[in-house]
């Protein structure tokens, strides 16, 4: 009889967290999450968008840039102005071709996909989720697609990473990011989504109710509305972005993509992807993979607004925005910011070293730095 043991990366380790994501080893694993996840897919672009190099020294001289690239958190940073590389910097243990987890920056793909279907008349934002997914549970059934897009619903899915039993971490069994516990069944991602419940979906707070499961629900809605599998949408987008290196996306054990945070890619390639938003949802060969109108709707700041240090930022159509730039953060220290009006894209990768990989003040610093860069003329 063979001798076996549970995969050490995927077992629950110290403080009831999966071993790969404990603070001591998180950095190395954020740099290789595509190899840690149990299941996934990889894609390559047919044609690569060639970047001209013309470094703008003002960016590296900014105090905020020097500070944030000088910490032990820092992994990599790239700034593009349209197809021109104007700044690039990497930590010693992270290289230009390396894939970094993007975590929740992954959610921005749903803006492109949903926006395209809305523009084509194949998806209605005021429809309830149950019209597309009759079997969905009370956590989403009577929510409108728009409210799910805007993180504007209440249900029992929690996302507090200081709590090792928060739903977002328990969700990782269905995502293939941790092993089931003793006697626990490995659900598919969609079985997990159906288990989410709510007694009242209304959000009285006026602030985003951030729930990563929302994005996976949207992906399911997309497949039902379009009759097209999610992988095919991603093939279109990756070809449209003109990526140089391999794009990775983790999936559950039946191959459904983890849309809420499963993307891993290089910093340059994330910036190339960001240019799709600059081009109004168009790819490198002028093919339409998103919707300019849908992005503009987000920039009108109709979604709920954050509080405290992020109070100028709204969440709408799976994007964060202040009305000028659009973007999204990623749990643990990532940010993508796009300024469509002047074609600037800022990518920042880092890995927080505290136990829960969360720091609102640090996130506000990163956003302020990226915004300062987009405002350079």
Protein backbone atom coordinates (compact mmCIF):
# COMPACT_ATOMS: atom_id res chain seq x y z
CA UNK A 1 0.00 0.00 0.00
CA UNK A 2 1.34 3.44 -0.94
CA UNK A 3 2.32 5.92 1.75
CA UNK A 4 0.74 9.35 1.25
CA UNK A 5 0.39 12.66 3.02
CA UNK A 6 -1.76 15.75 2.35
CA UNK A 7 -0.12 18.32 0.09
CA UNK A 8 1.77 20.56 2.55
CA UNK A 9 1.07 23.80 0.61
CA UNK A 10 -2.68 23.24 0.78
CA UNK A 11 -3.27 22.02 4.34
CA UNK A 12 -4.49 24.29 7.10
CA UNK A 13 -1.40 25.58 8.88
CA UNK A 14 -0.66 28.05 11.63
CA UNK A 15 -3.57 30.19 12.84
CA UNK A 16 -6.03 28.10 10.82
CA UNK A 17 -4.86 29.43 7.46
CA UNK A 18 -3.78 27.46 4.43
CA UNK A 19 -0.04 26.83 4.67
CA UNK A 20 0.91 28.63 1.42
CA UNK A 21 -0.71 31.81 2.71
CA UNK A 22 0.86 32.06 6.16
CA UNK A 23 2.81 35.28 6.62
CA UNK A 24 6.25 33.62 6.62
CA UNK A 25 5.89 32.08 3.14
CA UNK A 26 3.23 34.26 1.53
CA UNK A 27 5.65 36.33 -0.56
CA UNK A 28 7.17 33.33 -2.33
CA UNK A 29 3.73 31.88 -2.95
CA UNK A 30 2.18 35.10 -4.28
CA UNK A 31 5.01 34.90 -6.83
CA UNK A 32 3.93 31.37 -7.83
CA UNK A 33 0.27 31.01 -6.99
CA UNK A 34 -0.38 29.60 -10.46
CA UNK A 35 1.76 26.63 -9.37
CA UNK A 36 0.17 26.35 -5.91
CA UNK A 37 -3.47 26.14 -7.03
CA UNK A 38 -4.70 22.61 -7.67
CA UNK A 39 -6.46 23.33 -10.97
CA UNK A 40 -6.16 25.92 -13.69
CA UNK A 41 -5.76 26.92 -17.30
CA UNK A 42 -3.08 28.85 -19.17
CA UNK A 43 -3.34 30.98 -22.30
CA UNK A 44 -0.93 32.73 -24.67
CA UNK A 45 -1.64 35.63 -27.03
CA UNK A 46 -1.10 34.97 -30.73
CA UNK A 47 0.38 38.46 -31.28
CA UNK A 48 2.37 40.48 -28.73
CA UNK A 49 1.86 44.20 -28.27
CA UNK A 50 5.35 45.70 -28.68
CA UNK A 51 6.15 48.36 -26.08
CA UNK A 52 8.37 51.32 -26.92
CA UNK A 53 10.70 52.24 -24.06
CA UNK A 54 10.98 55.93 -23.11
CA UNK A 55 11.59 56.26 -19.36
CA UNK A 56 10.09 59.28 -17.59
CA UNK A 57 12.53 59.99 -14.75
CA UNK A 58 9.97 62.13 -12.94
CA UNK A 59 8.10 58.98 -11.91
CA UNK A 60 11.06 57.39 -10.15
CA UNK A 61 11.83 60.72 -8.45
CA UNK A 62 8.39 60.96 -6.83
CA UNK A 63 8.67 60.60 -3.06
CA UNK A 64 5.73 58.19 -2.93
CA UNK A 65 7.30 55.96 -5.60
CA UNK A 66 10.65 55.87 -3.80
CA UNK A 67 8.91 55.02 -0.53
CA UNK A 68 6.63 52.26 -1.80
CA UNK A 69 9.22 50.59 -4.04
CA UNK A 70 11.74 50.69 -1.20
CA UNK A 71 9.87 48.45 1.25
CA UNK A 72 10.25 44.71 1.75
CA UNK A 73 6.65 44.39 0.51
CA UNK A 74 7.51 45.53 -3.02
CA UNK A 75 7.54 43.07 -5.95
CA UNK A 76 7.22 45.03 -9.19
CA UNK A 77 5.84 48.16 -10.82
CA UNK A 78 5.18 49.14 -14.44
CA UNK A 79 3.79 52.36 -15.93
CA UNK A 80 2.63 52.67 -19.54
CA UNK A 81 1.46 55.69 -21.51
CA UNK A 82 -0.44 53.99 -24.25
CA UNK A 83 2.10 51.53 -25.73
CA UNK A 84 5.14 53.32 -24.29
CA UNK A 85 6.89 51.94 -21.21
CA UNK A 86 7.74 54.98 -19.08
CA UNK A 87 8.67 53.31 -15.78
CA UNK A 88 9.64 49.83 -14.63
CA UNK A 89 11.11 48.53 -11.38
CA UNK A 90 11.41 45.11 -9.72
CA UNK A 91 12.50 43.63 -6.42
CA UNK A 92 15.46 41.28 -6.48
CA UNK A 93 13.30 38.16 -6.15
CA UNK A 94 10.83 39.09 -8.90
CA UNK A 95 11.61 39.43 -12.61
CA UNK A 96 9.85 41.03 -15.62
CA UNK A 97 8.70 37.65 -16.97
CA UNK A 98 7.46 36.32 -13.60
CA UNK A 99 3.74 35.80 -12.99
CA UNK A 100 2.36 37.45 -9.85
CA UNK A 101 -1.05 36.82 -8.36
CA UNK A 102 -3.44 39.65 -9.23
CA UNK A 103 -6.02 38.55 -6.65
CA UNK A 104 -9.12 40.77 -7.00
CA UNK A 105 -7.78 42.70 -9.99
CA UNK A 106 -9.13 39.56 -11.69
CA UNK A 107 -12.63 40.98 -11.18
CA UNK A 108 -12.07 43.65 -13.84
CA UNK A 109 -12.42 41.01 -16.57
CA UNK A 110 -16.13 40.87 -15.69
CA UNK A 111 -16.45 44.54 -16.58
CA UNK A 112 -15.29 43.76 -20.11
CA UNK A 113 -17.35 40.60 -20.53
CA UNK A 114 -20.58 41.89 -18.98
CA UNK A 115 -20.24 45.24 -20.75
CA UNK A 116 -19.89 43.53 -24.10
CA UNK A 117 -23.02 41.42 -23.54
CA UNK A 118 -25.04 44.42 -22.34
CA UNK A 119 -24.00 46.39 -25.42
CA UNK A 120 -25.01 43.45 -27.64
CA UNK A 121 -28.41 43.26 -25.91
CA UNK A 122 -27.82 39.76 -24.54
CA UNK A 123 -27.78 40.65 -20.83
CA UNK A 124 -30.15 42.90 -18.86
CA UNK A 125 -28.73 44.69 -15.83
CA UNK A 126 -32.11 45.17 -14.14
CA UNK A 127 -32.92 41.45 -14.30
CA UNK A 128 -32.74 39.34 -11.17
CA UNK A 129 -30.02 36.71 -10.99
CA UNK A 130 -32.57 33.89 -10.63
CA UNK A 131 -33.86 34.66 -14.15
CA UNK A 132 -30.52 33.35 -15.44
CA UNK A 133 -29.72 30.86 -12.65
CA UNK A 134 -32.99 29.42 -11.29
CA UNK A 135 -31.17 27.14 -8.84
CA UNK A 136 -29.19 29.93 -7.13
CA UNK A 137 -29.84 30.33 -3.40
CA UNK A 138 -31.39 33.20 -1.46
CA UNK A 139 -28.02 34.94 -1.26
CA UNK A 140 -28.36 36.08 -4.87
CA UNK A 141 -31.68 34.97 -6.38
CA UNK A 142 -33.61 38.25 -6.10
CA UNK A 143 -30.59 40.53 -6.51
CA UNK A 144 -30.35 42.48 -9.75
CA UNK A 145 -27.34 41.91 -11.96
CA UNK A 146 -26.46 45.60 -11.48
CA UNK A 147 -26.40 45.35 -7.69
CA UNK A 148 -24.19 42.26 -7.87
CA UNK A 149 -21.83 44.15 -10.19
CA UNK A 150 -21.70 47.07 -7.74
CA UNK A 151 -21.11 45.03 -4.54
CA UNK A 152 -24.42 46.45 -3.39
CA UNK A 153 -26.13 43.46 -1.73
CA UNK A 154 -26.21 41.91 1.74
CA UNK A 155 -25.85 38.17 2.35
CA UNK A 156 -24.03 35.79 4.70
CA UNK A 157 -20.78 35.74 2.67
CA UNK A 158 -18.14 37.48 4.81
CA UNK A 159 -14.75 38.81 3.73
CA UNK A 160 -12.80 39.77 6.83
CA UNK A 161 -9.31 38.30 6.43
CA UNK A 162 -8.48 38.86 10.09
CA UNK A 163 -10.96 36.04 10.76
CA UNK A 164 -9.55 32.65 9.65
CA UNK A 165 -13.13 31.35 9.40
CA UNK A 166 -14.38 34.15 7.14
CA UNK A 167 -16.38 32.82 4.20
CA UNK A 168 -13.87 34.12 1.67
CA UNK A 169 -11.19 31.79 3.07
CA UNK A 170 -13.59 28.84 3.41
CA UNK A 171 -14.52 29.46 -0.25
CA UNK A 172 -10.93 28.47 -1.15
CA UNK A 173 -11.73 24.76 -0.79
CA UNK A 174 -14.13 25.05 -3.75
CA UNK A 175 -11.52 27.16 -5.58
CA UNK A 176 -8.81 24.51 -5.21
CA UNK A 177 -6.63 26.75 -3.03
CA UNK A 178 -6.87 24.57 0.10
CA UNK A 179 -7.74 20.98 0.90
CA UNK A 180 -11.10 20.03 2.42
CA UNK A 181 -11.04 19.34 6.15
CA UNK A 182 -11.83 15.94 7.63
CA UNK A 183 -15.25 14.86 6.43
CA UNK A 184 -15.66 18.00 4.31
CA UNK A 185 -16.77 17.57 0.70
CA UNK A 186 -14.97 19.42 -2.10
CA UNK A 187 -17.84 21.38 -3.63
CA UNK A 188 -17.68 22.90 -7.07
CA UNK A 189 -17.46 26.68 -7.04
CA UNK A 190 -21.07 26.92 -8.21
CA UNK A 191 -22.38 24.50 -5.60
CA UNK A 192 -20.69 26.75 -3.06
CA UNK A 193 -22.38 29.84 -4.54
CA UNK A 194 -25.78 28.18 -4.22
CA UNK A 195 -25.17 27.66 -0.49
CA UNK A 196 -24.94 31.41 0.22
CA UNK A 197 -28.05 32.76 1.93
CA UNK A 198 -29.69 36.08 2.73
CA UNK A 199 -32.78 37.19 4.63
CA UNK A 200 -32.66 40.70 3.17
CA UNK A 201 -30.51 41.62 0.17
CA UNK A 202 -30.96 45.39 0.55
CA UNK A 203 -27.79 47.34 1.41
CA UNK A 204 -28.75 50.19 3.78
CA UNK A 205 -25.17 51.39 4.37
CA UNK A 206 -24.46 53.20 1.11
CA UNK A 207 -20.99 51.62 1.17
CA UNK A 208 -19.77 48.68 -0.94
CA UNK A 209 -20.49 45.29 0.62
CA UNK A 210 -17.43 43.60 -0.82
CA UNK A 211 -18.04 39.91 -1.55
CA UNK A 212 -15.73 38.05 -3.91
CA UNK A 213 -18.45 35.48 -4.60
CA UNK A 214 -20.35 38.18 -6.51
CA UNK A 215 -17.89 37.95 -9.38
CA UNK A 216 -18.24 34.19 -9.68
CA UNK A 217 -22.04 34.59 -9.75
CA UNK A 218 -21.65 37.11 -12.58
CA UNK A 219 -19.54 34.63 -14.53
CA UNK A 220 -22.32 32.05 -14.23
CA UNK A 221 -24.87 34.65 -15.39
CA UNK A 222 -22.63 35.44 -18.37
CA UNK A 223 -22.54 31.81 -19.49
CA UNK A 224 -26.31 31.48 -19.20
CA UNK A 225 -26.99 34.76 -21.03
CA UNK A 226 -24.51 34.17 -23.84
CA UNK A 227 -24.48 30.39 -24.28
CA UNK A 228 -20.68 30.70 -24.41
CA UNK A 229 -18.20 29.22 -21.95
CA UNK A 230 -16.04 31.55 -19.86
CA UNK A 231 -12.78 30.16 -21.23
CA UNK A 232 -13.75 31.38 -24.72
CA UNK A 233 -14.26 34.93 -23.42
CA UNK A 234 -10.81 34.83 -21.82
CA UNK A 235 -9.22 33.55 -25.04
CA UNK A 236 -10.69 36.58 -26.82
CA UNK A 237 -9.47 39.03 -24.17
CA UNK A 238 -5.95 37.60 -23.92
CA UNK A 239 -5.52 37.78 -27.69
CA UNK A 240 -6.93 41.32 -27.61
CA UNK A 241 -4.42 42.37 -24.93
CA UNK A 242 -1.34 41.17 -26.83
CA UNK A 243 0.34 39.60 -23.82
CA UNK A 244 4.00 38.60 -24.01
CA UNK A 245 4.05 35.92 -21.31
CA UNK A 246 1.72 33.15 -20.16
CA UNK A 247 -1.59 34.10 -18.57
CA UNK A 248 -2.78 31.81 -15.77
CA UNK A 249 -6.26 31.45 -14.31
CA UNK A 250 -7.07 29.00 -11.52
CA UNK A 251 -10.29 26.96 -11.70
CA UNK A 252 -12.32 24.64 -9.53
CA UNK A 253 -12.07 20.86 -9.97
CA UNK A 254 -14.57 20.82 -12.84
CA UNK A 255 -12.79 23.59 -14.73
CA UNK A 256 -14.93 26.64 -13.85
CA UNK A 257 -12.62 29.70 -13.63
CA UNK A 258 -12.10 31.42 -10.28
CA UNK A 259 -13.09 34.87 -11.52
CA UNK A 260 -12.91 36.52 -8.11
CA UNK A 261 -9.11 36.31 -7.78
CA UNK A 262 -7.58 33.52 -9.86
CA UNK A 263 -5.54 35.50 -12.40
CA UNK A 264 -1.72 35.44 -12.37
CA UNK A 265 0.35 37.38 -14.93
CA UNK A 266 3.47 39.50 -15.31
CA UNK A 267 3.45 43.21 -14.47
CA UNK A 268 4.06 44.22 -18.08
CA UNK A 269 1.23 42.00 -19.26
CA UNK A 270 -1.20 43.33 -16.66
CA UNK A 271 -0.35 46.80 -17.98
CA UNK A 272 -0.93 45.63 -21.56
CA UNK A 273 -4.31 44.30 -20.42
CA UNK A 274 -5.07 47.68 -18.82
CA UNK A 275 -4.71 49.32 -22.23
CA UNK A 276 -7.92 47.58 -23.34
CA UNK A 277 -9.75 50.05 -21.07
CA UNK A 278 -7.79 52.95 -22.58
CA UNK A 279 -8.92 51.79 -26.03
CA UNK A 280 -12.57 51.72 -24.98
CA UNK A 281 -12.83 47.94 -24.78
CA UNK A 282 -10.96 47.27 -28.01
CA UNK A 283 -8.05 44.95 -28.62
CA UNK A 284 -4.76 45.38 -30.45
CA UNK A 285 -6.44 44.61 -33.79
CA UNK A 286 -9.44 46.87 -33.08
CA UNK A 287 -11.61 43.91 -32.04
CA UNK A 288 -14.30 44.66 -29.45
CA UNK A 289 -13.98 42.69 -26.19
CA UNK A 290 -15.53 45.22 -23.81
CA UNK A 291 -17.72 48.31 -23.82
CA UNK A 292 -16.59 51.92 -23.66
CA UNK A 293 -20.08 52.94 -22.53
CA UNK A 294 -20.03 50.42 -19.69
CA UNK A 295 -16.70 51.79 -18.42
CA UNK A 296 -18.02 55.34 -18.72
CA UNK A 297 -21.07 54.33 -16.69
CA UNK A 298 -18.73 53.22 -13.91
CA UNK A 299 -16.83 56.52 -14.03
CA UNK A 300 -20.08 58.39 -13.35
CA UNK A 301 -19.77 57.05 -9.77
CA UNK A 302 -23.29 55.66 -9.48
CA UNK A 303 -22.20 52.77 -7.26
CA UNK A 304 -21.77 52.80 -3.48
CA UNK A 305 -18.93 54.91 -2.05
CA UNK A 306 -16.22 53.82 0.38
CA UNK A 307 -15.76 55.46 3.77
CA UNK A 308 -12.82 57.05 5.60
CA UNK A 309 -9.53 57.28 3.64
CA UNK A 310 -11.14 55.94 0.44
CA UNK A 311 -14.27 58.10 0.56
CA UNK A 312 -13.67 59.62 -2.89
CA UNK A 313 -13.84 56.16 -4.48
CA UNK A 314 -16.95 54.36 -5.67
CA UNK A 315 -17.50 50.73 -6.70
CA UNK A 316 -19.42 50.26 -9.94
CA UNK A 317 -19.51 47.65 -12.72
CA UNK A 318 -16.70 45.61 -11.08
CA UNK A 319 -14.39 48.63 -11.03
CA UNK A 320 -13.20 51.09 -8.43
CA UNK A 321 -13.23 54.70 -9.63
CA UNK A 322 -12.96 58.30 -8.49
CA UNK A 323 -14.67 59.55 -11.66
CA UNK A 324 -11.39 60.06 -13.52
CA UNK A 325 -9.39 56.86 -13.18
CA UNK A 326 -10.69 53.30 -13.03
CA UNK A 327 -8.99 50.32 -11.45
CA UNK A 328 -9.06 47.64 -8.81
CA UNK A 329 -7.04 46.47 -5.85
CA UNK A 330 -5.98 42.95 -5.01
CA UNK A 331 -5.89 41.40 -1.54
CA UNK A 332 -2.37 41.37 -0.18
CA UNK A 333 -0.95 44.43 -1.95
CA UNK A 334 -1.75 44.77 -5.68
CA UNK A 335 -3.31 47.60 -7.65
CA UNK A 336 -4.16 48.36 -11.27
CA UNK A 337 -5.05 51.96 -12.17
CA UNK A 338 -6.06 53.15 -15.64
CA UNK A 339 -6.55 56.79 -16.66
CA UNK A 340 -8.43 56.50 -19.97
CA UNK A 341 -8.26 60.23 -20.72
CA UNK A 342 -4.46 60.31 -21.07
CA UNK A 343 -3.73 56.63 -21.70
CA UNK A 344 -1.79 55.99 -18.48
CA UNK A 345 -1.74 52.54 -16.86
CA UNK A 346 -0.09 51.90 -13.47
CA UNK A 347 0.56 48.37 -12.19
CA UNK A 348 1.83 47.82 -8.66
CA UNK A 349 2.60 44.39 -7.18
CA UNK A 350 3.52 43.86 -3.55
CA UNK A 351 2.96 41.33 -0.77
CA UNK A 352 1.91 42.43 2.70
CA UNK A 353 3.69 40.66 5.54
CA UNK A 354 1.11 40.92 8.33
CA UNK A 355 -1.01 37.93 9.33
CA UNK A 356 -4.19 38.84 7.43
CA UNK A 357 -2.46 40.47 4.40
CA UNK A 358 -4.68 43.54 4.81
CA UNK A 359 -3.85 47.20 5.50
CA UNK A 360 -6.32 49.91 4.49
CA UNK A 361 -3.80 52.73 5.08
CA UNK A 362 -1.24 51.02 2.84
CA UNK A 363 -3.85 50.56 0.13
CA UNK A 364 -4.70 54.26 0.32
CA UNK A 365 -0.98 55.10 -0.07
CA UNK A 366 -0.70 52.92 -3.17
CA UNK A 367 -3.80 54.50 -4.71
CA UNK A 368 -2.53 58.02 -3.98
CA UNK A 369 0.84 57.19 -5.58
CA UNK A 370 -0.76 55.73 -8.70
CA UNK A 371 -3.08 58.71 -9.02
CA UNK A 372 -0.15 61.11 -8.74
CA UNK A 373 1.53 59.28 -11.63
CA UNK A 374 -1.60 59.45 -13.81
CA UNK A 375 -1.71 63.22 -13.25
CA UNK A 376 1.77 63.85 -14.65
CA UNK A 377 1.48 65.69 -17.96
